[in-house]
Amino acid sequence: MAYNEQLAERIEQLLEEKKISYFSKKMFGGLCFMVEDKMCLGIVKEELMARIGPDGYQEALQKAYCKEMNFTGRAMKGYVYIEPDGLDMDEDLEYWLQRCLDFNPLAKASKKKKPKKK
């Protein structure tokens, strides 16, 4: 299991309850949830990867079980990991999901790769 499938099901249920249009995509050795064609949140192994943006980033890091996302060897500002203990309660998962959804309209979509010319 590359990522926590139970957590994925919980996220999908919340997104559906909120009537959010999304699709999931395997990325980073885990699973990402795309909203409006932008990476909104994801799961890497057992942790939630939350794209919350730069505003409130430092404040988020003060919360229990929240740490900076250091996927490439350096911190990625605006992204945090939430450890599994910080997601036990549905209210906690919903809090982080809503933070991601609130930032999503402000997030930049990654550039689409153009097909290579032959």
Protein backbone atom coordinates (compact mmCIF):
# COMPACT_ATOMS: atom_id res chain seq x y z
CA MET A 1 0.00 0.00 0.00
CA ALA A 2 1.64 3.22 -1.21
CA TYR A 3 -0.85 5.44 0.60
CA ASN A 4 -3.54 5.15 3.27
CA GLU A 5 -6.59 3.97 1.33
CA GLN A 6 -8.92 4.47 4.31
CA LEU A 7 -7.89 8.14 4.48
CA ALA A 8 -8.52 8.42 0.73
CA GLU A 9 -12.06 7.09 1.24
CA ARG A 10 -12.68 9.59 4.04
CA ILE A 11 -11.49 12.47 1.85
CA GLU A 12 -13.63 11.31 -1.07
CA GLN A 13 -16.68 11.11 1.19
CA LEU A 14 -16.13 14.66 2.47
CA LEU A 15 -15.60 16.04 -1.03
CA GLU A 16 -18.78 14.35 -2.21
CA GLU A 17 -20.75 15.62 0.81
CA LYS A 18 -19.57 19.14 -0.03
CA LYS A 19 -20.51 18.55 -3.69
CA ILE A 20 -16.97 19.39 -4.83
CA SER A 21 -16.04 18.29 -8.34
CA TYR A 22 -12.67 16.51 -8.16
CA PHE A 23 -10.60 13.70 -9.55
CA SER A 24 -7.78 11.77 -7.98
CA LYS A 25 -4.39 11.23 -9.56
CA LYS A 26 -1.45 9.11 -8.48
CA MET A 27 1.49 11.43 -7.79
CA PHE A 28 4.51 11.58 -5.47
CA GLY A 29 4.15 7.86 -4.79
CA GLY A 30 0.77 8.66 -3.26
CA LEU A 31 -2.60 10.03 -4.28
CA CYS A 32 -3.53 13.64 -5.02
CA PHE A 33 -6.99 15.14 -5.21
CA MET A 34 -7.37 17.65 -7.99
CA VAL A 35 -10.01 20.40 -7.75
CA GLU A 36 -10.45 22.76 -10.70
CA ASP A 37 -7.46 21.01 -12.33
CA LYS A 38 -5.22 22.11 -9.44
CA MET A 39 -3.59 19.96 -6.79
CA CYS A 40 -5.67 20.59 -3.69
CA LEU A 41 -4.56 17.93 -1.20
CA GLY A 42 -3.13 14.46 -1.18
CA ILE A 43 -1.90 11.48 0.74
CA VAL A 44 1.74 10.44 0.95
CA LYS A 45 2.05 7.13 2.80
CA GLU A 46 0.07 7.76 6.00
CA GLU A 47 0.19 11.57 6.01
CA LEU A 48 -2.14 14.15 4.57
CA MET A 49 -0.44 16.60 2.25
CA ALA A 50 -2.36 19.88 2.49
CA ARG A 51 -1.93 22.78 0.05
CA ILE A 52 -2.95 25.67 2.26
CA GLY A 53 -1.03 28.54 0.68
CA PRO A 54 1.45 31.01 2.17
CA ASP A 55 -1.08 32.99 4.24
CA GLY A 56 -1.50 31.24 7.55
CA TYR A 57 1.34 28.83 6.77
CA GLN A 58 3.35 29.68 9.90
CA GLU A 59 0.19 29.59 12.00
CA ALA A 60 -0.66 26.13 10.64
CA LEU A 61 2.78 24.84 11.61
CA GLN A 62 1.96 25.67 15.25
CA LYS A 63 -0.93 23.17 15.23
CA ALA A 64 -0.40 19.72 16.70
CA TYR A 65 0.66 17.05 14.20
CA CYS A 66 1.34 19.59 11.45
CA LYS A 67 4.82 19.89 9.94
CA GLU A 68 6.37 21.49 6.89
CA MET A 69 6.36 19.55 3.67
CA ASN A 70 9.92 18.69 2.92
CA PHE A 71 9.50 16.42 -0.08
CA THR A 72 12.51 17.53 -2.13
CA GLY A 73 14.96 18.28 0.66
CA ARG A 74 13.70 21.81 1.24
CA ALA A 75 10.49 23.13 2.73
CA MET A 76 7.72 23.84 0.26
CA LYS A 77 6.01 26.99 1.50
CA GLY A 78 2.26 26.74 1.47
CA TYR A 79 2.25 22.95 1.77
CA VAL A 80 2.15 21.01 5.03
CA TYR A 81 1.97 17.40 6.14
CA ILE A 82 -0.51 16.33 8.79
CA GLU A 83 0.49 13.23 10.73
CA PRO A 84 -2.10 10.45 11.13
CA ASP A 85 -2.78 11.29 14.80
CA GLY A 86 -3.95 14.72 13.65
CA LEU A 87 -6.61 13.17 11.43
CA ASP A 88 -8.25 10.67 13.78
CA MET A 89 -11.34 12.79 14.29
CA ASP A 90 -13.54 13.62 11.31
CA GLU A 91 -13.63 17.26 12.45
CA ASP A 92 -9.84 17.44 12.19
CA LEU A 93 -9.79 16.03 8.66
CA GLU A 94 -12.63 18.36 7.66
CA TYR A 95 -10.70 21.35 9.06
CA TRP A 96 -7.65 20.61 6.88
CA LEU A 97 -9.78 19.77 3.85
CA GLN A 98 -11.58 23.10 4.17
CA ARG A 99 -8.24 24.96 4.47
CA CYS A 100 -7.20 23.36 1.18
CA LEU A 101 -10.51 24.15 -0.51
CA ASP A 102 -10.34 27.76 0.70
CA PHE A 103 -6.91 28.21 -0.86
CA ASN A 104 -7.69 26.34 -4.10
CA PRO A 105 -9.24 29.31 -5.98
CA LEU A 106 -6.03 31.29 -5.30
CA ALA A 107 -3.67 28.47 -6.28
CA LYS A 108 -1.95 28.47 -9.63
CA ALA A 109 -2.47 25.47 -11.84
CA SER A 110 0.65 23.76 -13.09
CA LYS A 111 1.44 24.46 -16.70
CA LYS A 112 0.19 21.89 -19.15
CA LYS A 113 3.00 20.17 -20.98
CA LYS A 114 2.86 20.64 -24.70
CA PRO A 115 3.25 17.52 -26.78
CA LYS A 116 6.71 17.18 -28.28
CA LYS A 117 6.96 17.86 -32.00
CA LYS A 118 8.36 15.08 -34.09
